[in-house]
Structure formats: structure tokens, C-alpha cells
N, C-alpha and C. Protein backbone atom coordinates (compact mmCIF):
# COMPACT_ATOMS: atom_id res chain seq x y z
N MET A 1 -9.08 -20.81 -9.15
CA MET A 1 -7.68 -20.60 -9.45
C MET A 1 -7.16 -21.76 -10.29
N LYS A 2 -6.39 -21.41 -11.27
CA LYS A 2 -5.84 -22.44 -12.15
C LYS A 2 -4.77 -23.24 -11.42
N ASP A 3 -4.65 -24.48 -11.82
CA ASP A 3 -3.57 -25.30 -11.27
C ASP A 3 -2.25 -24.85 -11.88
N LEU A 4 -1.29 -24.56 -11.03
CA LEU A 4 0.01 -24.12 -11.49
C LEU A 4 0.92 -25.33 -11.69
N PRO A 5 1.79 -25.23 -12.68
CA PRO A 5 2.77 -26.31 -12.84
C PRO A 5 3.61 -26.42 -11.57
N GLU A 6 4.04 -27.61 -11.27
CA GLU A 6 4.77 -27.87 -10.04
C GLU A 6 6.06 -27.06 -9.92
N GLU A 7 6.68 -26.70 -11.04
CA GLU A 7 7.94 -25.95 -10.98
C GLU A 7 7.73 -24.55 -10.38
N PHE A 8 6.53 -23.98 -10.51
CA PHE A 8 6.24 -22.67 -9.90
C PHE A 8 6.23 -22.76 -8.38
N LEU A 9 5.86 -23.89 -7.85
CA LEU A 9 5.81 -24.07 -6.41
C LEU A 9 7.19 -24.26 -5.79
N LYS A 10 8.18 -24.48 -6.61
CA LYS A 10 9.54 -24.70 -6.13
C LYS A 10 10.39 -23.43 -6.17
N VAL A 11 9.86 -22.35 -6.71
CA VAL A 11 10.60 -21.08 -6.81
C VAL A 11 10.61 -20.41 -5.45
N PRO A 12 11.79 -20.05 -4.92
CA PRO A 12 11.85 -19.37 -3.63
C PRO A 12 11.16 -18.01 -3.70
N VAL A 13 10.49 -17.64 -2.64
CA VAL A 13 9.77 -16.37 -2.57
C VAL A 13 10.70 -15.20 -2.87
N ILE A 14 11.91 -15.25 -2.38
CA ILE A 14 12.86 -14.15 -2.57
C ILE A 14 13.12 -13.88 -4.05
N ASP A 15 12.93 -14.88 -4.90
CA ASP A 15 13.15 -14.71 -6.33
C ASP A 15 12.01 -13.98 -7.03
N VAL A 16 10.85 -13.89 -6.40
CA VAL A 16 9.70 -13.25 -7.05
C VAL A 16 9.13 -12.08 -6.26
N MET A 17 9.61 -11.86 -5.05
CA MET A 17 9.04 -10.79 -4.23
C MET A 17 9.54 -9.42 -4.66
N ASP A 18 8.77 -8.42 -4.33
CA ASP A 18 9.12 -7.04 -4.62
C ASP A 18 9.93 -6.49 -3.44
N GLU A 19 11.08 -5.95 -3.72
CA GLU A 19 11.93 -5.41 -2.66
C GLU A 19 11.70 -3.92 -2.44
N ASN A 20 10.90 -3.29 -3.27
CA ASN A 20 10.62 -1.87 -3.14
C ASN A 20 9.36 -1.68 -2.29
N ILE A 21 9.49 -1.93 -1.00
CA ILE A 21 8.36 -1.85 -0.08
C ILE A 21 8.36 -0.49 0.58
N VAL A 22 7.19 0.14 0.62
CA VAL A 22 7.05 1.45 1.24
C VAL A 22 6.10 1.31 2.43
N ILE A 23 6.52 1.86 3.56
CA ILE A 23 5.71 1.83 4.78
C ILE A 23 5.53 3.26 5.27
N LEU A 24 4.28 3.64 5.54
CA LEU A 24 3.97 4.96 6.06
C LEU A 24 3.24 4.84 7.39
N GLU A 25 3.42 5.85 8.23
CA GLU A 25 2.67 5.94 9.49
C GLU A 25 1.20 6.17 9.16
N GLU A 26 0.32 5.67 9.99
CA GLU A 26 -1.11 5.80 9.77
C GLU A 26 -1.59 7.25 9.78
N SER A 27 -0.80 8.15 10.32
CA SER A 27 -1.17 9.56 10.39
C SER A 27 -0.90 10.31 9.08
N ALA A 28 -0.23 9.68 8.11
CA ALA A 28 0.05 10.32 6.83
C ALA A 28 -1.26 10.64 6.12
N SER A 29 -1.30 11.78 5.46
CA SER A 29 -2.50 12.16 4.71
C SER A 29 -2.58 11.37 3.40
N ILE A 30 -3.75 11.38 2.81
CA ILE A 30 -3.93 10.69 1.53
C ILE A 30 -3.03 11.31 0.47
N ILE A 31 -2.90 12.62 0.47
CA ILE A 31 -2.06 13.28 -0.52
C ILE A 31 -0.58 12.93 -0.31
N GLU A 32 -0.14 12.85 0.94
CA GLU A 32 1.24 12.44 1.22
C GLU A 32 1.48 11.04 0.69
N CYS A 33 0.52 10.17 0.93
CA CYS A 33 0.62 8.78 0.48
C CYS A 33 0.73 8.73 -1.05
N ALA A 34 -0.13 9.47 -1.74
CA ALA A 34 -0.11 9.48 -3.20
C ALA A 34 1.22 10.01 -3.73
N LYS A 35 1.75 11.04 -3.10
CA LYS A 35 3.03 11.61 -3.54
C LYS A 35 4.18 10.62 -3.35
N VAL A 36 4.18 9.91 -2.23
CA VAL A 36 5.22 8.91 -1.98
C VAL A 36 5.10 7.77 -2.99
N MET A 37 3.89 7.33 -3.26
CA MET A 37 3.68 6.26 -4.23
C MET A 37 4.21 6.66 -5.61
N GLU A 38 3.93 7.89 -6.01
CA GLU A 38 4.40 8.37 -7.32
C GLU A 38 5.92 8.47 -7.35
N ALA A 39 6.50 9.02 -6.29
CA ALA A 39 7.95 9.20 -6.23
C ALA A 39 8.70 7.87 -6.21
N ARG A 40 8.16 6.88 -5.53
CA ARG A 40 8.83 5.58 -5.39
C ARG A 40 8.42 4.58 -6.47
N GLY A 41 7.44 4.95 -7.29
CA GLY A 41 7.02 4.07 -8.38
C GLY A 41 6.32 2.82 -7.91
N VAL A 42 5.50 2.96 -6.86
CA VAL A 42 4.77 1.81 -6.33
C VAL A 42 3.26 2.06 -6.44
N SER A 43 2.49 1.02 -6.40
CA SER A 43 1.04 1.15 -6.50
C SER A 43 0.34 0.90 -5.17
N SER A 44 1.14 0.64 -4.13
CA SER A 44 0.55 0.44 -2.80
C SER A 44 1.59 0.72 -1.73
N VAL A 45 1.11 1.04 -0.53
CA VAL A 45 1.99 1.22 0.62
C VAL A 45 1.40 0.48 1.82
N LEU A 46 2.27 0.03 2.68
CA LEU A 46 1.83 -0.60 3.91
C LEU A 46 1.62 0.49 4.96
N VAL A 47 0.65 0.28 5.85
CA VAL A 47 0.31 1.27 6.88
C VAL A 47 0.75 0.73 8.23
N LYS A 48 1.59 1.53 8.92
CA LYS A 48 2.15 1.12 10.21
C LYS A 48 1.41 1.79 11.35
N ASP A 49 1.05 1.00 12.34
CA ASP A 49 0.43 1.52 13.56
C ASP A 49 1.51 2.25 14.35
N SER A 50 1.28 3.52 14.65
CA SER A 50 2.30 4.32 15.33
C SER A 50 2.50 3.92 16.78
N ASN A 51 1.53 3.25 17.37
CA ASN A 51 1.66 2.82 18.77
C ASN A 51 2.42 1.51 18.91
N THR A 52 2.10 0.55 18.07
CA THR A 52 2.70 -0.78 18.20
C THR A 52 3.84 -1.03 17.22
N GLY A 53 3.88 -0.25 16.15
CA GLY A 53 4.89 -0.47 15.12
C GLY A 53 4.55 -1.60 14.17
N SER A 54 3.41 -2.22 14.37
CA SER A 54 3.02 -3.32 13.50
C SER A 54 2.32 -2.80 12.25
N ILE A 55 2.35 -3.60 11.21
CA ILE A 55 1.67 -3.27 9.97
C ILE A 55 0.20 -3.65 10.14
N ASN A 56 -0.68 -2.68 9.93
CA ASN A 56 -2.09 -2.98 10.14
C ASN A 56 -2.95 -2.72 8.92
N GLY A 57 -2.33 -2.50 7.77
CA GLY A 57 -3.13 -2.30 6.58
C GLY A 57 -2.29 -2.01 5.35
N ILE A 58 -3.02 -1.76 4.27
CA ILE A 58 -2.39 -1.43 3.00
C ILE A 58 -3.27 -0.40 2.30
N VAL A 59 -2.65 0.54 1.61
CA VAL A 59 -3.37 1.52 0.80
C VAL A 59 -2.92 1.31 -0.64
N THR A 60 -3.88 1.20 -1.53
CA THR A 60 -3.58 1.01 -2.95
C THR A 60 -4.02 2.24 -3.74
N GLU A 61 -3.56 2.30 -4.99
CA GLU A 61 -4.01 3.38 -5.87
C GLU A 61 -5.53 3.39 -5.97
N ARG A 62 -6.11 2.23 -6.04
CA ARG A 62 -7.56 2.10 -6.14
C ARG A 62 -8.25 2.66 -4.90
N ASP A 63 -7.67 2.41 -3.71
CA ASP A 63 -8.22 2.98 -2.48
C ASP A 63 -8.26 4.50 -2.55
N ILE A 64 -7.15 5.08 -3.00
CA ILE A 64 -7.08 6.54 -3.09
C ILE A 64 -8.12 7.07 -4.05
N LEU A 65 -8.26 6.42 -5.18
CA LEU A 65 -9.22 6.86 -6.19
C LEU A 65 -10.66 6.68 -5.73
N TYR A 66 -11.02 5.49 -5.30
CA TYR A 66 -12.42 5.20 -4.97
C TYR A 66 -12.84 5.65 -3.59
N ARG A 67 -11.94 5.58 -2.63
CA ARG A 67 -12.32 5.94 -1.26
C ARG A 67 -11.97 7.38 -0.92
N GLY A 68 -11.05 7.97 -1.64
CA GLY A 68 -10.64 9.34 -1.37
C GLY A 68 -11.20 10.32 -2.37
N VAL A 69 -10.75 10.20 -3.61
CA VAL A 69 -11.13 11.15 -4.65
C VAL A 69 -12.63 11.09 -4.94
N ALA A 70 -13.16 9.91 -5.20
CA ALA A 70 -14.57 9.78 -5.58
C ALA A 70 -15.51 10.26 -4.48
N LYS A 71 -15.09 10.16 -3.23
CA LYS A 71 -15.95 10.59 -2.13
C LYS A 71 -15.61 12.00 -1.64
N ASN A 72 -14.66 12.64 -2.34
CA ASN A 72 -14.27 14.02 -2.03
C ASN A 72 -13.97 14.21 -0.54
N LEU A 73 -13.08 13.36 -0.03
CA LEU A 73 -12.79 13.36 1.41
C LEU A 73 -11.88 14.49 1.86
N GLY A 74 -11.14 15.08 0.97
CA GLY A 74 -10.18 16.11 1.37
C GLY A 74 -8.81 15.47 1.52
N MET A 75 -8.10 15.42 0.46
CA MET A 75 -6.84 14.69 0.38
C MET A 75 -5.78 15.17 1.38
N PHE A 76 -5.87 16.44 1.80
CA PHE A 76 -4.88 16.99 2.73
C PHE A 76 -5.28 16.76 4.18
N LYS A 77 -6.56 16.50 4.42
CA LYS A 77 -7.07 16.41 5.79
C LYS A 77 -7.20 14.99 6.29
N VAL A 78 -7.55 14.08 5.43
CA VAL A 78 -7.87 12.71 5.84
C VAL A 78 -6.61 11.85 5.85
N SER A 79 -6.40 11.13 6.95
CA SER A 79 -5.24 10.26 7.04
C SER A 79 -5.53 8.89 6.44
N ILE A 80 -4.48 8.16 6.19
CA ILE A 80 -4.63 6.86 5.52
C ILE A 80 -5.15 5.77 6.44
N ASP A 81 -5.33 6.06 7.71
CA ASP A 81 -5.89 5.05 8.61
C ASP A 81 -7.40 5.00 8.55
N LYS A 82 -8.02 5.85 7.79
CA LYS A 82 -9.50 5.90 7.70
C LYS A 82 -10.03 4.85 6.76
């Protein structure tokens, strides 16, 4: 990793963070996830454990493509917790 100028380390996180956060239940299907991502204009969603309410993962566009589409998992049947 390149050394960053010191002024970058002084920028508050709130000034650079993304406020468009999407959270889905782990039971959501891959196709539901992809549709939400497209509608909200995001490239990833956080996955919430339905029992504890805690965030236990993330699904990215790449996950959907490589783990879902490329392996022909069945976009309507497979949930994002897999």
C-alpha cells in the first residue's frame, strides 16, 4: 500500500463514507438482491442475520456473477446466505 499524505488521515470518515447502504435479510434470493442493487444504484449489499439482527456478510456484484451466474445456481432458488 502506498504511503498516503498526512492530510488524508485527518479527513473525518463521515466526509468520505457512502450513505446509501442497503441491508437485506439472509433469506433474500440472489435475484432479489440483484434487483435491489440495480434499483438503489449500489454494487454491494450487507447481509443481516435474521436471528440476531447482526450483519454477517456482504454480497457484491462480483459474487452474483462468479458464485451465482457462472455456477448456474438458480437465481430464484438460492439465498444470499450461501
